[in-house]
N, C-alpha and C. Protein backbone atom coordinates (compact mmCIF):
# COMPACT_ATOMS: atom_id res chain seq x y z
N VAL A 1 0.79 81.30 128.57
CA VAL A 1 0.10 82.57 128.47
C VAL A 1 -0.29 82.80 127.02
N SER A 2 -1.16 83.75 126.79
CA SER A 2 -1.75 83.89 125.46
C SER A 2 -1.27 85.09 124.66
N SER A 3 -0.42 85.94 125.23
CA SER A 3 0.05 87.10 124.49
C SER A 3 1.39 87.57 125.04
N GLY A 4 2.03 88.45 124.29
CA GLY A 4 3.30 89.01 124.74
C GLY A 4 3.16 89.79 126.03
N LEU A 5 2.10 90.58 126.13
CA LEU A 5 1.88 91.38 127.34
C LEU A 5 1.59 90.49 128.54
N SER A 6 0.81 89.43 128.35
CA SER A 6 0.53 88.54 129.47
C SER A 6 1.79 87.77 129.87
N ALA A 7 2.69 87.52 128.94
CA ALA A 7 3.97 86.88 129.27
C ALA A 7 4.79 87.79 130.18
N LEU A 8 4.85 89.06 129.85
CA LEU A 8 5.60 90.01 130.69
C LEU A 8 4.98 90.12 132.07
N ASP A 9 3.67 90.15 132.14
CA ASP A 9 2.98 90.21 133.42
C ASP A 9 3.26 88.96 134.25
N PHE A 10 3.23 87.80 133.61
CA PHE A 10 3.49 86.53 134.29
C PHE A 10 4.90 86.52 134.88
N ILE A 11 5.87 86.99 134.11
CA ILE A 11 7.27 86.99 134.55
C ILE A 11 7.45 87.88 135.77
N ILE A 12 6.73 88.98 135.82
CA ILE A 12 6.83 89.89 136.96
C ILE A 12 6.29 89.24 138.23
N ARG A 13 5.21 88.48 138.08
CA ARG A 13 4.53 87.91 139.25
C ARG A 13 5.02 86.55 139.69
N HIS A 14 5.69 85.83 138.79
CA HIS A 14 6.11 84.46 139.10
C HIS A 14 7.59 84.28 138.75
N PRO A 15 8.38 83.81 139.71
CA PRO A 15 9.79 83.55 139.39
C PRO A 15 9.89 82.38 138.40
N VAL A 16 10.68 82.57 137.38
CA VAL A 16 10.89 81.52 136.38
C VAL A 16 12.38 81.35 136.13
N ASP A 17 12.74 80.19 135.64
CA ASP A 17 14.14 79.91 135.30
C ASP A 17 14.39 79.94 133.80
N LEU A 18 13.32 79.68 133.03
CA LEU A 18 13.45 79.58 131.58
C LEU A 18 12.19 80.11 130.93
N ILE A 19 12.37 80.82 129.84
CA ILE A 19 11.23 81.34 129.08
C ILE A 19 11.35 80.81 127.66
N LEU A 20 10.28 80.20 127.18
CA LEU A 20 10.18 79.79 125.78
C LEU A 20 9.25 80.78 125.10
N LEU A 21 9.76 81.43 124.07
CA LEU A 21 8.99 82.44 123.35
C LEU A 21 8.70 82.00 121.94
N ASP A 22 7.51 82.26 121.49
CA ASP A 22 7.20 82.13 120.08
C ASP A 22 7.53 83.47 119.43
N TYR A 23 7.77 83.47 118.16
CA TYR A 23 8.07 84.72 117.46
C TYR A 23 6.81 85.55 117.31
N GLU A 24 5.74 84.91 116.86
CA GLU A 24 4.49 85.63 116.61
C GLU A 24 3.52 85.38 117.77
N MET A 25 3.17 86.47 118.44
CA MET A 25 2.22 86.41 119.54
C MET A 25 1.31 87.63 119.43
N PRO A 26 0.11 87.54 119.94
CA PRO A 26 -0.77 88.72 119.95
C PRO A 26 -0.17 89.84 120.81
N GLY A 27 -0.33 91.05 120.37
CA GLY A 27 0.10 92.21 121.15
C GLY A 27 1.54 92.61 120.92
N LEU A 28 2.47 91.78 121.30
CA LEU A 28 3.89 92.03 121.11
C LEU A 28 4.52 90.81 120.45
N THR A 29 5.49 91.04 119.61
CA THR A 29 6.20 89.90 119.02
C THR A 29 7.18 89.33 120.05
N GLY A 30 7.65 88.12 119.79
CA GLY A 30 8.65 87.53 120.67
C GLY A 30 9.89 88.40 120.84
N PRO A 31 10.45 88.94 119.73
CA PRO A 31 11.61 89.83 119.90
C PRO A 31 11.29 91.06 120.75
N ASP A 32 10.07 91.61 120.63
CA ASP A 32 9.68 92.74 121.47
C ASP A 32 9.64 92.35 122.94
N VAL A 33 9.09 91.17 123.21
CA VAL A 33 9.02 90.68 124.59
C VAL A 33 10.43 90.49 125.14
N LEU A 34 11.30 89.87 124.37
CA LEU A 34 12.67 89.64 124.83
C LEU A 34 13.39 90.96 125.07
N ASN A 35 13.17 91.94 124.22
CA ASN A 35 13.78 93.25 124.40
C ASN A 35 13.35 93.84 125.75
N ARG A 36 12.09 93.73 126.08
CA ARG A 36 11.59 94.25 127.36
C ARG A 36 12.13 93.45 128.54
N ILE A 37 12.26 92.13 128.36
CA ILE A 37 12.83 91.29 129.42
C ILE A 37 14.26 91.72 129.71
N ARG A 38 15.05 91.92 128.66
CA ARG A 38 16.46 92.30 128.82
C ARG A 38 16.61 93.72 129.38
N PHE A 39 15.60 94.55 129.20
CA PHE A 39 15.65 95.93 129.68
C PHE A 39 15.40 96.01 131.18
N GLN A 40 14.65 95.05 131.72
CA GLN A 40 14.31 95.05 133.15
C GLN A 40 15.44 94.43 133.97
N ASN A 41 15.86 95.12 135.00
CA ASN A 41 16.95 94.63 135.83
C ASN A 41 16.66 93.27 136.45
N GLU A 42 15.41 93.05 136.89
CA GLU A 42 15.05 91.82 137.58
C GLU A 42 15.04 90.60 136.65
N SER A 43 14.83 90.84 135.35
CA SER A 43 14.68 89.71 134.43
C SER A 43 15.76 89.64 133.36
N LYS A 44 16.69 90.56 133.36
CA LYS A 44 17.62 90.65 132.23
C LYS A 44 18.52 89.41 132.06
N ASN A 45 18.69 88.62 133.11
CA ASN A 45 19.56 87.44 133.02
C ASN A 45 18.80 86.13 132.87
N LEU A 46 17.48 86.20 132.69
CA LEU A 46 16.70 84.97 132.50
C LEU A 46 17.08 84.28 131.20
N ALA A 47 17.06 82.97 131.23
CA ALA A 47 17.31 82.19 130.01
C ALA A 47 16.06 82.27 129.13
N VAL A 48 16.24 82.68 127.88
CA VAL A 48 15.13 82.82 126.94
C VAL A 48 15.48 82.09 125.65
N ILE A 49 14.61 81.19 125.25
CA ILE A 49 14.79 80.42 124.02
C ILE A 49 13.56 80.62 123.14
N PHE A 50 13.79 80.93 121.89
CA PHE A 50 12.69 80.99 120.94
C PHE A 50 12.37 79.58 120.49
N LEU A 51 11.11 79.24 120.49
CA LEU A 51 10.60 77.98 119.93
C LEU A 51 9.52 78.39 118.96
N THR A 52 9.85 78.40 117.68
CA THR A 52 8.99 79.05 116.70
C THR A 52 9.07 78.37 115.34
N ALA A 53 8.10 78.67 114.52
CA ALA A 53 8.10 78.17 113.14
C ALA A 53 8.75 79.16 112.19
N LYS A 54 9.07 80.36 112.67
CA LYS A 54 9.65 81.39 111.82
C LYS A 54 11.08 81.01 111.45
N ASP A 55 11.28 80.66 110.18
CA ASP A 55 12.61 80.23 109.76
C ASP A 55 13.21 81.09 108.66
N ASP A 56 12.54 82.20 108.31
CA ASP A 56 13.12 83.07 107.28
C ASP A 56 14.26 83.89 107.89
N LYS A 57 15.22 84.23 107.07
CA LYS A 57 16.45 84.89 107.54
C LYS A 57 16.16 86.18 108.30
N SER A 58 15.24 86.98 107.81
CA SER A 58 14.94 88.26 108.45
C SER A 58 14.40 88.06 109.86
N SER A 59 13.49 87.12 110.04
CA SER A 59 12.92 86.86 111.37
C SER A 59 13.98 86.32 112.32
N VAL A 60 14.77 85.38 111.84
CA VAL A 60 15.82 84.80 112.69
C VAL A 60 16.81 85.87 113.12
N MET A 61 17.25 86.70 112.18
CA MET A 61 18.22 87.75 112.50
C MET A 61 17.61 88.77 113.47
N ASN A 62 16.34 89.11 113.27
CA ASN A 62 15.66 90.05 114.16
C ASN A 62 15.63 89.50 115.59
N ALA A 63 15.31 88.23 115.73
CA ALA A 63 15.27 87.61 117.06
C ALA A 63 16.67 87.55 117.67
N LEU A 64 17.66 87.16 116.88
CA LEU A 64 19.02 87.00 117.40
C LEU A 64 19.63 88.33 117.84
N GLU A 65 19.16 89.43 117.26
CA GLU A 65 19.64 90.75 117.69
C GLU A 65 19.30 91.03 119.15
N GLN A 66 18.27 90.37 119.67
CA GLN A 66 17.87 90.55 121.07
C GLN A 66 18.65 89.64 122.02
N LYS A 67 19.54 88.84 121.47
CA LYS A 67 20.43 87.96 122.23
C LYS A 67 19.70 86.90 123.07
N PRO A 68 18.88 86.08 122.41
CA PRO A 68 18.27 84.96 123.15
C PRO A 68 19.32 83.90 123.45
N ASP A 69 19.00 82.99 124.33
CA ASP A 69 19.91 81.90 124.66
C ASP A 69 19.81 80.75 123.66
N GLY A 70 18.81 80.80 122.80
CA GLY A 70 18.65 79.79 121.78
C GLY A 70 17.52 80.13 120.83
N TYR A 71 17.52 79.45 119.70
CA TYR A 71 16.47 79.65 118.69
C TYR A 71 16.20 78.29 118.08
N MET A 72 15.07 77.69 118.46
CA MET A 72 14.71 76.35 117.98
C MET A 72 13.52 76.46 117.05
N LEU A 73 13.58 75.73 115.98
CA LEU A 73 12.45 75.71 115.05
C LEU A 73 11.46 74.63 115.44
N LYS A 74 10.18 75.00 115.37
CA LYS A 74 9.12 74.02 115.62
C LYS A 74 9.02 73.13 114.39
N ARG A 75 9.41 71.95 114.56
CA ARG A 75 9.24 70.95 113.52
C ARG A 75 8.74 69.72 114.23
N GLN A 76 8.04 68.93 113.55
CA GLN A 76 7.50 67.73 114.17
C GLN A 76 8.58 66.65 114.27
N THR A 77 9.59 66.95 115.05
CA THR A 77 10.61 65.95 115.34
C THR A 77 10.23 65.30 116.68
N PRO A 78 10.69 64.11 116.91
CA PRO A 78 10.38 63.47 118.19
C PRO A 78 10.85 64.29 119.39
N GLN A 79 12.01 64.96 119.27
CA GLN A 79 12.54 65.75 120.38
C GLN A 79 11.63 66.94 120.70
N VAL A 80 11.18 67.66 119.68
CA VAL A 80 10.31 68.81 119.90
C VAL A 80 8.97 68.35 120.45
N THR A 81 8.45 67.26 119.93
CA THR A 81 7.17 66.73 120.42
C THR A 81 7.27 66.37 121.90
N ARG A 82 8.36 65.71 122.31
CA ARG A 82 8.55 65.35 123.71
C ARG A 82 8.69 66.60 124.58
N LEU A 83 9.45 67.58 124.10
CA LEU A 83 9.64 68.82 124.84
C LEU A 83 8.31 69.52 125.06
N LEU A 84 7.53 69.67 124.02
CA LEU A 84 6.24 70.35 124.14
C LEU A 84 5.29 69.60 125.07
N ARG A 85 5.27 68.28 124.97
CA ARG A 85 4.42 67.47 125.84
C ARG A 85 4.83 67.64 127.30
N ALA A 86 6.14 67.60 127.57
CA ALA A 86 6.63 67.76 128.94
C ALA A 86 6.31 69.14 129.49
N LEU A 87 6.47 70.17 128.67
CA LEU A 87 6.17 71.53 129.12
C LEU A 87 4.69 71.71 129.40
N LYS A 88 3.85 71.15 128.54
CA LYS A 88 2.41 71.26 128.74
C LYS A 88 2.01 70.56 130.04
N SER A 89 2.57 69.39 130.31
CA SER A 89 2.27 68.65 131.53
C SER A 89 2.74 69.42 132.76
N ARG A 90 3.93 69.97 132.68
CA ARG A 90 4.47 70.74 133.81
C ARG A 90 3.61 71.98 134.08
N ASN A 91 3.17 72.64 133.01
CA ASN A 91 2.34 73.83 133.16
C ASN A 91 1.00 73.47 133.81
N LYS A 92 0.40 72.36 133.42
CA LYS A 92 -0.87 71.93 134.02
C LYS A 92 -0.69 71.67 135.51
N ARG A 93 0.42 71.00 135.89
CA ARG A 93 0.67 70.74 137.31
C ARG A 93 0.85 72.04 138.07
N TYR A 94 1.59 72.98 137.49
CA TYR A 94 1.82 74.27 138.14
C TYR A 94 0.51 75.01 138.36
N MET A 95 -0.32 75.07 137.32
CA MET A 95 -1.59 75.79 137.42
C MET A 95 -2.50 75.13 138.46
N THR A 96 -2.47 73.80 138.55
CA THR A 96 -3.27 73.10 139.55
C THR A 96 -2.79 73.43 140.95
N LEU A 97 -1.48 73.44 141.14
CA LEU A 97 -0.91 73.75 142.46
C LEU A 97 -1.19 75.19 142.88
N THR A 98 -1.08 76.13 141.97
CA THR A 98 -1.30 77.53 142.33
C THR A 98 -2.77 77.81 142.62
N ARG A 99 -3.67 77.08 142.02
CA ARG A 99 -5.10 77.27 142.29
C ARG A 99 -5.48 76.76 143.68
N LYS A 100 -4.73 75.77 144.19
CA LYS A 100 -5.03 75.19 145.51
C LYS A 100 -4.58 76.08 146.64
N LYS A 101 -3.68 77.02 146.37
CA LYS A 101 -3.14 77.89 147.44
C LYS A 101 -4.15 78.89 147.92
């Protein structure tokens, strides 16, 4: 999705098991989105991990106050590259399947 608000809308309409949030998104920040996720009864127990380039202490502490399940920094490590590639592939398959319905 392309913004914090569209992420919240997507979560309402589609059951998910895991949410990867960036810190900086149009409309709402990642911590704002996580705060709203935790406030909603239906989504408060979803696993949420930040995957972001924000590594300054203030940003990290702000995100951690919302109690995410993890905070990973985007770095060009082989593990992050594989994770992003796998997620992108899975998302393409999902979007293809939902369009056929």
